[in-house]
Amino acid sequence: MPDPDPLVLRTLQAHGLIGNAEGARFEPLTGGVSSEIWKVTAGGRVFCVKRALSKLKVEADWFAPVERNRYEVAWCRIADDCVPGSAPRILLHDEEVMLCAMEFLDPQTHRLWKEALRAGDAEPQQAAMAGRRLGRIHAGTAGSEAVRSTFPRTDIFREIRLEPYLEATAAKHPDLSAQLHALSERTAQTQLVMIHGDVSPKNILLGPDGPVFLDAECACIGDPAFDLAFCLNHFLLKCLWTPQARSGFLACFAAMAAGYLEEVDWEERDGLEARAASLLPGLFLARVDGKSPVEYITDEAQKEKVRRCARALLLAPPPRLADVAEAWREELTE
C-alpha cells in the first residue's frame, strides 16, 4: 500500500490529529480488502486511519459505495453506547473524504480472534461472550427510529454482502439458484435491528474487557440472523483449517449461538434461530464458491465436503443451528 495521498494528510491536520506531516509515521495495516488502513504515530499518540475503497481488493470485480465509511462510524458509536467497549472509539469522521480515525488497540492486549483460532486456541467462553455482546447490541437497537434513520441505505448491504455471497454463488450452482435467491431476498427484506454485516473472527479482538468488534463497513438496518450466521460460519470452516481443534471450534459454535440467543427479546427466539439455521448453509457454500472465498480452503476435496454438506442443508433447511453443526460433524467423519 502506498503512503497516504496529500488529501489524507490535510484532513488529519484539519481535524488536529497531526501537526507537521513530516513528523507523522504511517504504517499500512493489512488484512482487509475494502479499505486503506494505516497505523499513525504522531505527536505522542497512536491511532488508526481508515479510508474506504470503491473497488475492493479481490480477484473478481467487486465495487462498493465509499459511503459505507459513514455507516461504520455510526455502528461503532451506537454499539459502544449499547455495550461500552464493544467497538473502537472514533476520533474523527470526515464526510467529504469518507475517512475516519479511531483508537489503536494494542495487539499485545487485544489478540485478533482469527489468529487465536488458527493456533487452535478455541475457547467457548470467548465465543459465548461475543455472542452475548452481539445480542445486546441488536437488542439495544431494535425498534429505535433514531437508529433506523441513521442507516437510510440498504443497497450497500446488497452490493457487498448479498450479491457477492449468495447471489454470485447461485450463478455457480443453478440447481440451487432458487434457494439462494430466496435467502437473499428474505434477508434483504428483514429489517429489524442495526447489524454489523461482517462479524467474523478476523474482525474481532479479544480484549481484556471482552470482545471488540471491528470493520463495520457493511452496517445497516437488517436481519440479526445474518450477523449470527455469518460468524458461526467461520467455526465450521475452520474445522478444515486447523483440524486438531475441530471439537473446540464446534464447541465455540454452540457457545456463541447460546450466548446470543439468550439476549434475544425483540422477536421470538425460535424464529430468529430458524432464519439463521437456513441462511448458514448458503453462507457456508459462498465461502468456497462466492466472490470472497476463504483463503485457507484450497484443496478440492475439502471444497467438495463443504459443497456436499451445504447442498443437503439448502435443500432441506434445518430449524436449529445445532442441526447444521451436527450435519457438518457427520460430513467430517465420513
Protein backbone atom coordinates (compact mmCIF):
# COMPACT_ATOMS: atom_id res chain seq x y z
CA MET A 1 0.00 0.00 0.00
CA PRO A 2 1.47 3.42 -0.92
CA ASP A 3 1.79 6.28 1.53
CA PRO A 4 -1.46 8.19 2.05
CA ASP A 5 -2.15 10.87 -0.50
CA PRO A 6 -1.91 14.55 0.46
CA LEU A 7 -5.68 14.75 0.94
CA VAL A 8 -5.48 12.27 3.81
CA LEU A 9 -2.69 14.25 5.42
CA ARG A 10 -4.56 17.54 5.02
CA THR A 11 -7.71 16.01 6.50
CA LEU A 12 -5.89 14.77 9.59
CA GLN A 13 -4.22 18.15 10.00
CA ALA A 14 -7.52 20.00 9.61
CA HIS A 15 -9.02 17.92 12.42
CA GLY A 16 -5.98 18.46 14.63
CA LEU A 17 -4.84 14.84 14.78
CA ILE A 18 -1.44 15.58 13.31
CA GLY A 19 0.65 18.73 13.13
CA ASN A 20 3.72 18.64 10.93
CA ALA A 21 3.15 15.86 8.39
CA GLU A 22 6.88 15.14 8.29
CA GLY A 23 6.74 14.09 11.92
CA ALA A 24 3.93 11.59 11.39
CA ARG A 25 4.67 7.93 10.72
CA PHE A 26 2.19 5.90 8.67
CA GLU A 27 2.35 2.10 8.80
CA PRO A 28 -0.01 0.24 6.45
CA LEU A 29 -2.11 -2.44 8.14
CA THR A 30 -3.08 -5.49 6.15
CA GLY A 31 -5.91 -7.98 6.30
CA GLY A 32 -8.86 -6.17 4.77
CA VAL A 33 -9.96 -5.96 1.14
CA SER A 34 -12.24 -2.95 1.28
CA SER A 35 -10.22 -0.06 2.70
CA GLU A 36 -6.82 1.51 3.08
CA ILE A 37 -5.84 1.34 6.74
CA TRP A 38 -2.85 2.89 8.48
CA LYS A 39 -1.46 2.91 11.97
CA VAL A 40 -0.42 6.50 12.58
CA THR A 41 2.09 7.66 15.16
CA ALA A 42 2.18 11.43 15.57
CA GLY A 43 2.66 13.90 18.38
CA GLY A 44 2.97 11.21 21.03
CA ARG A 45 -0.30 9.50 20.13
CA VAL A 46 -1.11 6.37 18.13
CA PHE A 47 -4.34 5.84 16.20
CA CYS A 48 -5.74 4.17 13.10
CA VAL A 49 -6.90 5.86 9.91
CA LYS A 50 -9.27 4.13 7.52
CA ARG A 51 -10.38 5.21 4.06
CA ALA A 52 -12.89 3.21 2.04
CA LEU A 53 -12.00 1.95 -1.46
CA SER A 54 -14.51 2.00 -4.30
CA LYS A 55 -13.05 -1.23 -5.79
CA LEU A 56 -12.34 -4.00 -3.33
CA LYS A 57 -9.05 -5.86 -3.37
CA VAL A 58 -10.28 -9.26 -4.58
CA GLU A 59 -9.79 -11.17 -7.82
CA ALA A 60 -13.35 -10.69 -9.07
CA ASP A 61 -14.66 -7.23 -9.96
CA TRP A 62 -16.32 -6.02 -6.79
CA PHE A 63 -17.29 -2.39 -6.35
CA ALA A 64 -19.00 -0.71 -3.41
CA PRO A 65 -20.00 2.85 -2.44
CA VAL A 66 -17.46 4.63 -0.26
CA GLU A 67 -20.31 5.95 1.91
CA ARG A 68 -20.03 2.74 3.88
CA ASN A 69 -17.30 4.52 5.88
CA ARG A 70 -20.05 6.73 7.32
CA TYR A 71 -22.07 3.73 8.42
CA GLU A 72 -19.09 2.05 10.02
CA VAL A 73 -18.55 5.12 12.17
CA ALA A 74 -22.23 5.19 13.12
CA TRP A 75 -22.19 1.49 14.00
CA CYS A 76 -19.15 1.91 16.25
CA ARG A 77 -20.66 4.83 18.13
CA ILE A 78 -24.05 3.19 18.62
CA ALA A 79 -22.57 -0.20 19.55
CA ASP A 80 -20.33 1.43 22.14
CA ASP A 81 -23.39 3.14 23.62
CA CYS A 82 -25.19 -0.22 23.82
CA VAL A 83 -22.22 -2.17 25.16
CA PRO A 84 -19.34 0.06 26.30
CA GLY A 85 -16.02 -1.17 24.97
CA SER A 86 -17.53 -3.31 22.22
CA ALA A 87 -16.17 -1.08 19.42
CA PRO A 88 -13.16 1.19 18.94
CA ARG A 89 -13.58 4.81 19.98
CA ILE A 90 -13.99 7.09 16.96
CA LEU A 91 -11.69 10.13 16.90
CA LEU A 92 -12.91 11.76 13.70
CA HIS A 93 -15.01 11.22 10.62
CA ASP A 94 -14.75 13.37 7.51
CA GLU A 95 -17.83 13.16 5.30
CA GLU A 96 -16.18 14.62 2.21
CA VAL A 97 -13.13 12.36 2.17
CA MET A 98 -15.01 9.38 3.67
CA LEU A 99 -12.18 8.85 6.10
CA CYS A 100 -12.27 8.03 9.78
CA ALA A 101 -9.76 7.79 12.58
CA MET A 102 -10.18 5.58 15.61
CA GLU A 103 -8.24 4.48 18.64
CA PHE A 104 -5.47 1.94 18.09
CA LEU A 105 -5.88 -1.20 20.17
CA ASP A 106 -2.52 -2.73 21.02
CA PRO A 107 -2.22 -6.33 19.76
CA GLN A 108 -0.30 -7.17 22.91
CA THR A 109 -3.54 -6.76 24.86
CA HIS A 110 -6.07 -7.27 22.05
CA ARG A 111 -5.40 -10.51 20.22
CA LEU A 112 -7.05 -11.00 16.85
CA TRP A 113 -9.51 -13.86 17.26
CA LYS A 114 -8.70 -15.31 13.86
CA GLU A 115 -5.05 -15.72 14.86
CA ALA A 116 -6.04 -17.41 18.10
CA LEU A 117 -8.28 -19.86 16.24
CA ARG A 118 -5.55 -20.55 13.69
CA ALA A 119 -3.33 -21.61 16.58
CA GLY A 120 -6.05 -23.92 17.82
CA ASP A 121 -7.00 -21.73 20.78
CA ALA A 122 -10.73 -22.33 20.67
CA GLU A 123 -12.24 -21.02 23.90
CA PRO A 124 -16.02 -21.42 24.17
CA GLN A 125 -16.21 -18.76 26.87
CA GLN A 126 -14.86 -16.16 24.42
CA ALA A 127 -17.43 -17.28 21.85
CA ALA A 128 -20.23 -17.05 24.40
CA MET A 129 -19.14 -13.54 25.36
CA ALA A 130 -19.01 -12.47 21.71
CA GLY A 131 -22.50 -13.88 21.21
CA ARG A 132 -23.85 -12.05 24.24
CA ARG A 133 -22.30 -8.74 23.20
CA LEU A 134 -23.65 -9.06 19.68
CA GLY A 135 -27.08 -9.92 21.05
CA ARG A 136 -27.06 -6.90 23.37
CA ILE A 137 -26.15 -4.58 20.51
CA HIS A 138 -29.01 -5.98 18.45
CA ALA A 139 -31.39 -5.71 21.40
CA GLY A 140 -30.29 -2.14 22.07
CA THR A 141 -31.12 -1.02 18.55
CA ALA A 142 -34.32 -2.97 17.87
CA GLY A 143 -37.30 -0.72 17.30
CA SER A 144 -35.27 2.50 17.51
CA GLU A 145 -36.39 5.06 14.94
CA ALA A 146 -33.33 7.17 15.70
CA VAL A 147 -31.03 4.27 14.83
CA ARG A 148 -33.09 3.39 11.76
CA SER A 149 -32.84 6.95 10.43
CA THR A 150 -29.05 6.78 10.78
CA PHE A 151 -28.92 3.96 8.21
CA PRO A 152 -31.19 5.05 5.33
CA ARG A 153 -29.49 2.85 2.73
CA THR A 154 -29.88 -0.90 2.35
CA ASP A 155 -28.49 -1.12 -1.19
CA ILE A 156 -24.90 -1.13 0.07
CA PHE A 157 -25.54 -4.27 2.06
CA ARG A 158 -26.92 -5.98 -1.02
CA GLU A 159 -23.94 -4.88 -3.08
CA ILE A 160 -21.24 -6.02 -0.66
CA ARG A 161 -22.92 -8.93 1.08
CA LEU A 162 -25.95 -10.49 -0.58
CA GLU A 163 -24.81 -10.21 -4.20
CA PRO A 164 -21.17 -11.37 -3.81
CA TYR A 165 -22.04 -14.14 -1.37
CA LEU A 166 -25.47 -15.65 -2.01
CA GLU A 167 -26.29 -14.40 -5.50
CA ALA A 168 -22.84 -14.97 -7.00
CA THR A 169 -22.88 -18.48 -5.56
CA ALA A 170 -26.28 -19.09 -7.15
CA ALA A 171 -24.74 -18.34 -10.54
CA LYS A 172 -22.29 -21.20 -10.00
CA HIS A 173 -24.95 -23.60 -8.74
CA PRO A 174 -28.01 -23.17 -11.00
CA ASP A 175 -29.79 -26.07 -9.32
CA LEU A 176 -29.63 -24.18 -6.00
CA SER A 177 -30.42 -20.79 -7.50
CA ALA A 178 -33.99 -20.66 -6.20
CA GLN A 179 -32.94 -21.45 -2.64
CA LEU A 180 -30.03 -18.98 -2.62
CA HIS A 181 -32.01 -16.14 -4.18
CA ALA A 182 -34.85 -16.76 -1.73
CA LEU A 183 -32.41 -16.48 1.18
CA SER A 184 -31.01 -13.26 -0.29
CA GLU A 185 -34.46 -11.72 -0.69
CA ARG A 186 -35.64 -12.76 2.76
CA THR A 187 -32.52 -11.31 4.33
CA ALA A 188 -32.86 -8.06 2.39
CA GLN A 189 -36.49 -7.66 3.41
CA THR A 190 -35.95 -8.40 7.12
CA GLN A 191 -35.01 -5.08 8.71
CA LEU A 192 -35.25 -5.33 12.48
CA VAL A 193 -32.04 -4.12 14.14
CA MET A 194 -28.71 -2.45 13.41
CA ILE A 195 -26.48 -5.18 12.02
CA HIS A 196 -22.71 -5.19 11.60
CA GLY A 197 -22.66 -7.22 8.39
CA ASP A 198 -19.15 -8.65 8.75
CA VAL A 199 -18.99 -10.31 12.16
CA SER A 200 -16.12 -12.76 11.86
CA PRO A 201 -13.01 -13.72 13.84
CA LYS A 202 -10.85 -11.53 11.59
CA ASN A 203 -12.87 -8.54 12.79
CA ILE A 204 -12.98 -9.34 16.50
CA LEU A 205 -10.25 -8.55 19.01
CA LEU A 206 -10.11 -10.46 22.28
CA GLY A 207 -9.57 -7.61 24.71
CA PRO A 208 -9.05 -7.72 28.47
CA ASP A 209 -12.61 -6.47 29.00
CA GLY A 210 -14.24 -8.59 26.31
CA PRO A 211 -14.50 -8.88 22.54
CA VAL A 212 -14.17 -5.73 20.43
CA PHE A 213 -15.86 -5.66 17.01
CA LEU A 214 -14.05 -4.02 14.09
CA ASP A 215 -14.71 -3.22 10.43
CA ALA A 216 -18.43 -2.48 10.37
CA GLU A 217 -18.46 -1.16 6.79
CA CYS A 218 -21.48 -3.31 5.93
CA ALA A 219 -23.58 -1.89 8.77
CA CYS A 220 -27.24 -1.21 8.07
CA ILE A 221 -30.70 -1.95 9.39
CA GLY A 222 -31.15 -5.61 8.65
CA ASP A 223 -31.74 -9.16 9.78
CA PRO A 224 -29.97 -10.02 13.05
CA ALA A 225 -29.85 -13.64 11.89
CA PHE A 226 -27.31 -12.57 9.26
CA ASP A 227 -24.75 -11.37 11.82
CA LEU A 228 -25.14 -14.54 13.86
CA ALA A 229 -24.94 -16.92 10.90
CA PHE A 230 -22.06 -15.02 9.32
CA CYS A 231 -19.87 -15.51 12.37
CA LEU A 232 -20.94 -19.07 13.15
CA ASN A 233 -19.98 -19.97 9.59
CA HIS A 234 -16.32 -19.40 10.43
CA PHE A 235 -16.31 -22.01 13.19
CA LEU A 236 -17.48 -24.58 10.64
CA LEU A 237 -14.92 -23.55 8.03
CA LYS A 238 -12.04 -23.52 10.49
CA CYS A 239 -12.58 -27.21 11.16
CA LEU A 240 -10.76 -27.66 7.83
CA TRP A 241 -8.07 -25.07 8.60
CA THR A 242 -6.99 -26.40 11.99
CA PRO A 243 -8.39 -29.96 12.16
CA GLN A 244 -6.89 -30.80 15.54
CA ALA A 245 -9.07 -28.11 17.14
CA ARG A 246 -12.26 -29.29 15.44
CA SER A 247 -14.10 -30.19 18.64
CA GLY A 248 -13.17 -26.82 20.13
CA PHE A 249 -14.49 -24.95 17.10
CA LEU A 250 -17.79 -26.79 17.27
CA ALA A 251 -17.97 -26.03 20.99
CA CYS A 252 -17.42 -22.35 20.15
CA PHE A 253 -20.23 -22.61 17.59
CA ALA A 254 -22.62 -23.88 20.26
CA ALA A 255 -21.44 -21.39 22.88
CA MET A 256 -21.80 -18.35 20.63
CA ALA A 257 -25.24 -19.42 19.45
CA ALA A 258 -26.42 -19.99 23.02
CA GLY A 259 -24.92 -16.75 24.31
CA TYR A 260 -26.52 -14.78 21.52
CA LEU A 261 -29.96 -16.34 21.74
CA GLU A 262 -30.11 -15.59 25.49
CA GLU A 263 -30.19 -11.88 24.61
CA VAL A 264 -32.98 -12.05 22.01
CA ASP A 265 -36.01 -10.20 23.34
CA TRP A 266 -37.26 -8.26 20.31
CA GLU A 267 -38.74 -11.27 18.49
CA GLU A 268 -39.35 -14.98 19.01
CA ARG A 269 -36.04 -16.77 19.51
CA ASP A 270 -37.16 -19.83 17.57
CA GLY A 271 -37.97 -17.73 14.52
CA LEU A 272 -34.62 -15.95 14.54
CA GLU A 273 -32.75 -19.21 15.05
CA ALA A 274 -34.62 -20.83 12.15
CA ARG A 275 -33.62 -17.94 9.85
CA ALA A 276 -30.00 -18.23 10.93
CA ALA A 277 -30.01 -22.02 10.51
CA SER A 278 -31.44 -21.84 6.99
CA LEU A 279 -29.15 -18.97 5.94
CA LEU A 280 -25.97 -20.56 7.28
CA PRO A 281 -25.63 -23.26 4.56
CA GLY A 282 -25.85 -20.57 1.89
CA LEU A 283 -23.07 -18.57 3.52
CA PHE A 284 -21.10 -21.79 4.04
CA LEU A 285 -21.22 -22.59 0.32
CA ALA A 286 -20.45 -18.96 -0.55
CA ARG A 287 -17.08 -19.13 1.18
CA VAL A 288 -15.86 -21.62 -1.39
CA ASP A 289 -17.86 -20.58 -4.48
CA GLY A 290 -18.77 -16.91 -3.98
CA LYS A 291 -16.75 -13.80 -4.77
CA SER A 292 -14.91 -13.88 -1.44
CA PRO A 293 -13.75 -17.45 -0.80
CA VAL A 294 -11.78 -18.06 2.38
CA GLU A 295 -8.08 -18.17 1.61
CA TYR A 296 -7.34 -21.30 3.64
CA ILE A 297 -9.55 -23.80 1.81
CA THR A 298 -7.73 -24.57 -1.43
CA ASP A 299 -7.90 -28.37 -1.54
CA GLU A 300 -10.63 -29.52 -3.93
CA ALA A 301 -11.59 -32.46 -1.72
CA GLN A 302 -12.21 -30.08 1.18
CA LYS A 303 -14.27 -27.80 -1.03
CA GLU A 304 -16.38 -30.77 -2.04
CA LYS A 305 -17.08 -31.54 1.61
CA VAL A 306 -18.41 -28.01 2.06
CA ARG A 307 -20.48 -28.25 -1.13
CA ARG A 308 -21.94 -31.62 -0.21
CA CYS A 309 -22.96 -30.56 3.29
CA ALA A 310 -24.27 -27.15 2.22
CA ARG A 311 -26.29 -28.59 -0.65
CA ALA A 312 -28.13 -31.06 1.57
CA LEU A 313 -28.96 -28.36 4.11
CA LEU A 314 -30.13 -25.89 1.45
CA LEU A 315 -32.48 -28.49 0.02
CA ALA A 316 -33.84 -29.41 3.46
CA PRO A 317 -33.42 -26.33 5.71
CA PRO A 318 -32.92 -27.24 9.38
CA PRO A 319 -34.84 -25.42 12.13
CA ARG A 320 -31.97 -25.36 14.63
CA LEU A 321 -28.36 -24.22 14.45
CA ALA A 322 -27.28 -27.39 16.23
CA ASP A 323 -28.65 -29.33 13.24
CA VAL A 324 -26.21 -27.51 10.96
CA ALA A 325 -23.26 -28.22 13.23
CA GLU A 326 -24.22 -31.88 13.50
CA ALA A 327 -24.54 -32.26 9.73
CA TRP A 328 -21.05 -30.82 9.33
CA ARG A 329 -19.68 -33.04 12.08
CA GLU A 330 -21.04 -36.08 10.26
CA GLU A 331 -19.57 -34.90 6.95
CA LEU A 332 -16.15 -34.50 8.53
CA THR A 333 -16.17 -38.04 9.92
CA GLU A 334 -17.01 -39.69 6.60
